[in-house]
Amino acid sequence: MIRIFLADDHTIFRQGLKQILADEADIDIVGEATDGDELLAQLPSAACDIVLLDLTMPGRSGISLLREIAAAESRRVVVLSMHEEDQYIVEALKAGAAGYVTKNSASDQLIQAIRKVVKGELFVSPSASQSLIRELRTPHAELPHAKLTPREREVFDLLGRGR
């Protein structure tokens, strides 16, 4: 049995998720939260395998919440977000998300993500993966400090120390 904890601030969306996941014989919803504080309060006592996490909830939400959950918990996190922009996807994966599914994805993609993530695999929905590929293929400007010579870095470091 795959035990899921839902964290999303929209009641009707959570109810829809519960309805979709109820059709799966091996998936059980064991808890739900409407904001990050509620999630952090309930999660230690929740016997769940996966947290389905919305990135934009009232109060504590977003990448910092994801980092905290991923660092402190043995549970895997699948982000379920309206954000398709590459910066959200990249940051969520860097912060410890095992999956990223956009809210405009088909329900079978969410179920596929849950099944892959519970096996220890990673999942990014096709709509999010297109954005991720664009991000990886776009050349980025070199950071200004990367252009410094070793001596310039040394002087810069000394200035930073007040010398």
Protein backbone atom coordinates (compact mmCIF):
# COMPACT_ATOMS: atom_id res chain seq x y z
CA MET A 1 0.00 0.00 0.00
CA ILE A 2 1.33 3.44 -0.98
CA ARG A 3 0.47 5.97 1.71
CA ILE A 4 0.05 9.58 0.54
CA PHE A 5 -0.07 12.85 2.48
CA LEU A 6 -1.68 15.75 0.56
CA ALA A 7 -0.58 19.34 1.11
CA ASP A 8 -2.55 21.90 -0.90
CA ASP A 9 -4.48 24.97 0.19
CA HIS A 10 -7.38 24.50 -2.24
CA THR A 11 -10.10 22.31 -0.72
CA ILE A 12 -11.80 21.42 -3.98
CA PHE A 13 -8.46 20.45 -5.52
CA ARG A 14 -7.63 18.16 -2.55
CA GLN A 15 -11.07 16.58 -2.80
CA GLY A 16 -10.52 15.95 -6.51
CA LEU A 17 -7.12 14.38 -5.81
CA LYS A 18 -8.66 12.13 -3.17
CA GLN A 19 -11.31 11.04 -5.65
CA ILE A 20 -8.73 10.29 -8.36
CA LEU A 21 -6.44 8.40 -6.00
CA ALA A 22 -9.34 6.48 -4.37
CA ASP A 23 -9.75 4.59 -7.64
CA GLU A 24 -6.29 3.08 -7.18
CA ALA A 25 -6.45 -0.04 -4.99
CA ASP A 26 -2.85 0.30 -3.76
CA ILE A 27 -2.96 4.02 -2.84
CA ASP A 28 -4.29 5.36 0.45
CA ILE A 29 -4.58 9.00 1.58
CA VAL A 30 -3.38 9.13 5.19
CA GLY A 31 -3.45 12.87 5.84
CA GLU A 32 -3.86 16.34 4.44
CA ALA A 33 -2.79 19.88 5.23
CA THR A 34 -3.82 23.28 3.94
CA ASP A 35 -0.56 25.12 4.61
CA GLY A 36 3.09 24.53 5.43
CA ASP A 37 2.74 24.96 9.18
CA GLU A 38 -0.06 22.41 9.34
CA LEU A 39 1.99 20.04 7.18
CA LEU A 40 5.06 20.31 9.42
CA ALA A 41 2.93 19.80 12.53
CA GLN A 42 1.23 16.65 11.20
CA LEU A 43 4.01 15.05 9.19
CA PRO A 44 6.08 13.58 12.05
CA SER A 45 3.15 11.43 13.18
CA ALA A 46 1.84 10.64 9.69
CA ALA A 47 2.72 7.20 8.41
CA CYS A 48 3.16 8.10 4.77
CA ASP A 49 5.50 7.18 1.95
CA ILE A 50 4.99 10.21 -0.27
CA VAL A 51 4.05 13.84 0.32
CA LEU A 52 2.20 15.50 -2.55
CA LEU A 53 3.22 19.12 -2.05
CA ASP A 54 1.88 22.31 -3.58
CA LEU A 55 4.65 24.93 -3.73
CA THR A 56 2.39 27.96 -3.27
CA MET A 57 0.37 27.74 -0.10
CA PRO A 58 -0.32 30.40 2.55
CA GLY A 59 2.22 30.82 5.31
CA ARG A 60 5.23 28.58 5.00
CA SER A 61 5.40 27.19 1.53
CA GLY A 62 7.68 26.80 -1.42
CA ILE A 63 11.21 25.65 -1.82
CA SER A 64 12.27 26.29 1.79
CA LEU A 65 9.46 24.04 3.03
CA LEU A 66 10.47 21.39 0.52
CA ARG A 67 14.10 21.57 1.71
CA GLU A 68 13.00 21.17 5.31
CA ILE A 69 10.83 18.15 4.57
CA ALA A 70 13.45 16.49 2.36
CA ALA A 71 16.20 17.03 4.94
CA ALA A 72 14.26 15.90 8.00
CA GLU A 73 12.02 13.17 6.69
CA SER A 74 12.59 9.80 5.08
CA ARG A 75 9.53 10.42 2.94
CA ARG A 76 9.79 11.28 -0.73
CA VAL A 77 8.18 14.45 -2.04
CA VAL A 78 6.31 14.88 -5.30
CA VAL A 79 5.68 18.52 -6.08
CA LEU A 80 2.26 19.11 -7.59
CA SER A 81 2.35 22.69 -8.81
CA MET A 82 0.77 25.16 -11.20
CA HIS A 83 4.24 26.49 -12.00
CA GLU A 84 5.70 25.22 -15.28
CA GLU A 85 8.56 27.72 -15.32
CA ASP A 86 12.00 26.16 -15.37
CA GLN A 87 13.25 28.01 -12.28
CA TYR A 88 10.58 26.34 -10.12
CA ILE A 89 11.28 22.90 -11.53
CA VAL A 90 15.06 23.19 -11.19
CA GLU A 91 14.87 24.62 -7.68
CA ALA A 92 12.37 21.98 -6.54
CA LEU A 93 14.57 19.16 -7.81
CA LYS A 94 17.67 20.73 -6.24
CA ALA A 95 15.77 21.11 -2.96
CA GLY A 96 15.04 17.40 -2.80
CA ALA A 97 11.84 16.75 -4.74
CA ALA A 98 11.73 13.25 -6.21
CA GLY A 99 9.01 14.23 -8.65
CA TYR A 100 7.49 17.29 -10.26
CA VAL A 101 4.01 17.18 -11.78
CA THR A 102 2.20 20.23 -13.10
CA LYS A 103 -1.43 20.70 -12.16
CA ASN A 104 -2.46 20.71 -15.80
CA SER A 105 -1.14 17.15 -16.21
CA ALA A 106 -3.45 14.21 -16.75
CA SER A 107 -4.33 12.18 -13.67
CA ASP A 108 -2.53 9.12 -15.06
CA GLN A 109 0.73 11.12 -15.03
CA LEU A 110 0.28 11.84 -11.32
CA ILE A 111 -0.33 8.15 -10.63
CA GLN A 112 2.70 7.25 -12.75
CA ALA A 113 4.79 9.77 -10.77
CA ILE A 114 3.65 8.29 -7.45
CA ARG A 115 4.46 4.74 -8.54
CA LYS A 116 7.91 5.71 -9.87
CA VAL A 117 8.84 7.81 -6.84
CA VAL A 118 7.80 5.15 -4.33
CA LYS A 119 10.23 2.78 -6.13
CA GLY A 120 13.03 5.29 -5.64
CA GLU A 121 12.94 6.69 -9.17
CA LEU A 122 12.57 10.31 -10.24
CA PHE A 123 9.70 11.73 -12.30
CA VAL A 124 9.11 14.99 -14.14
CA SER A 125 5.86 15.43 -16.04
CA PRO A 126 6.23 15.87 -19.81
CA SER A 127 5.04 19.49 -19.74
CA ALA A 128 7.56 20.30 -17.01
CA SER A 129 10.33 18.35 -18.74
CA GLN A 130 10.07 20.56 -21.84
CA SER A 131 10.75 23.60 -19.69
CA LEU A 132 13.58 21.80 -17.94
CA ILE A 133 15.20 20.83 -21.25
CA ARG A 134 15.01 24.45 -22.44
CA GLU A 135 16.73 25.55 -19.22
CA LEU A 136 19.53 23.04 -19.64
CA ARG A 137 20.10 23.91 -23.29
CA THR A 138 20.13 27.70 -22.80
CA PRO A 139 23.66 29.04 -22.41
CA HIS A 140 24.10 31.10 -19.27
CA ALA A 141 26.31 34.10 -18.94
CA GLU A 142 29.42 33.50 -16.92
CA LEU A 143 29.17 34.79 -13.36
CA PRO A 144 31.15 38.01 -12.86
CA HIS A 145 33.45 36.60 -10.19
CA ALA A 146 34.39 33.69 -12.46
CA LYS A 147 36.17 36.16 -14.75
CA LEU A 148 38.59 37.28 -12.03
CA THR A 149 42.23 36.27 -12.19
CA PRO A 150 43.66 34.41 -9.18
CA ARG A 151 45.34 37.63 -7.99
CA GLU A 152 42.12 39.62 -8.39
CA ARG A 153 40.29 36.98 -6.33
CA GLU A 154 42.96 37.23 -3.65
CA VAL A 155 42.63 41.04 -3.51
CA PHE A 156 38.85 40.76 -3.49
CA ASP A 157 39.01 38.26 -0.61
CA LEU A 158 41.31 40.57 1.35
CA LEU A 159 38.95 43.51 0.77
CA GLY A 160 36.09 41.37 2.03
CA ARG A 161 38.04 40.76 5.23
CA GLY A 162 38.46 44.49 5.75
CA ARG A 163 42.13 44.71 4.76
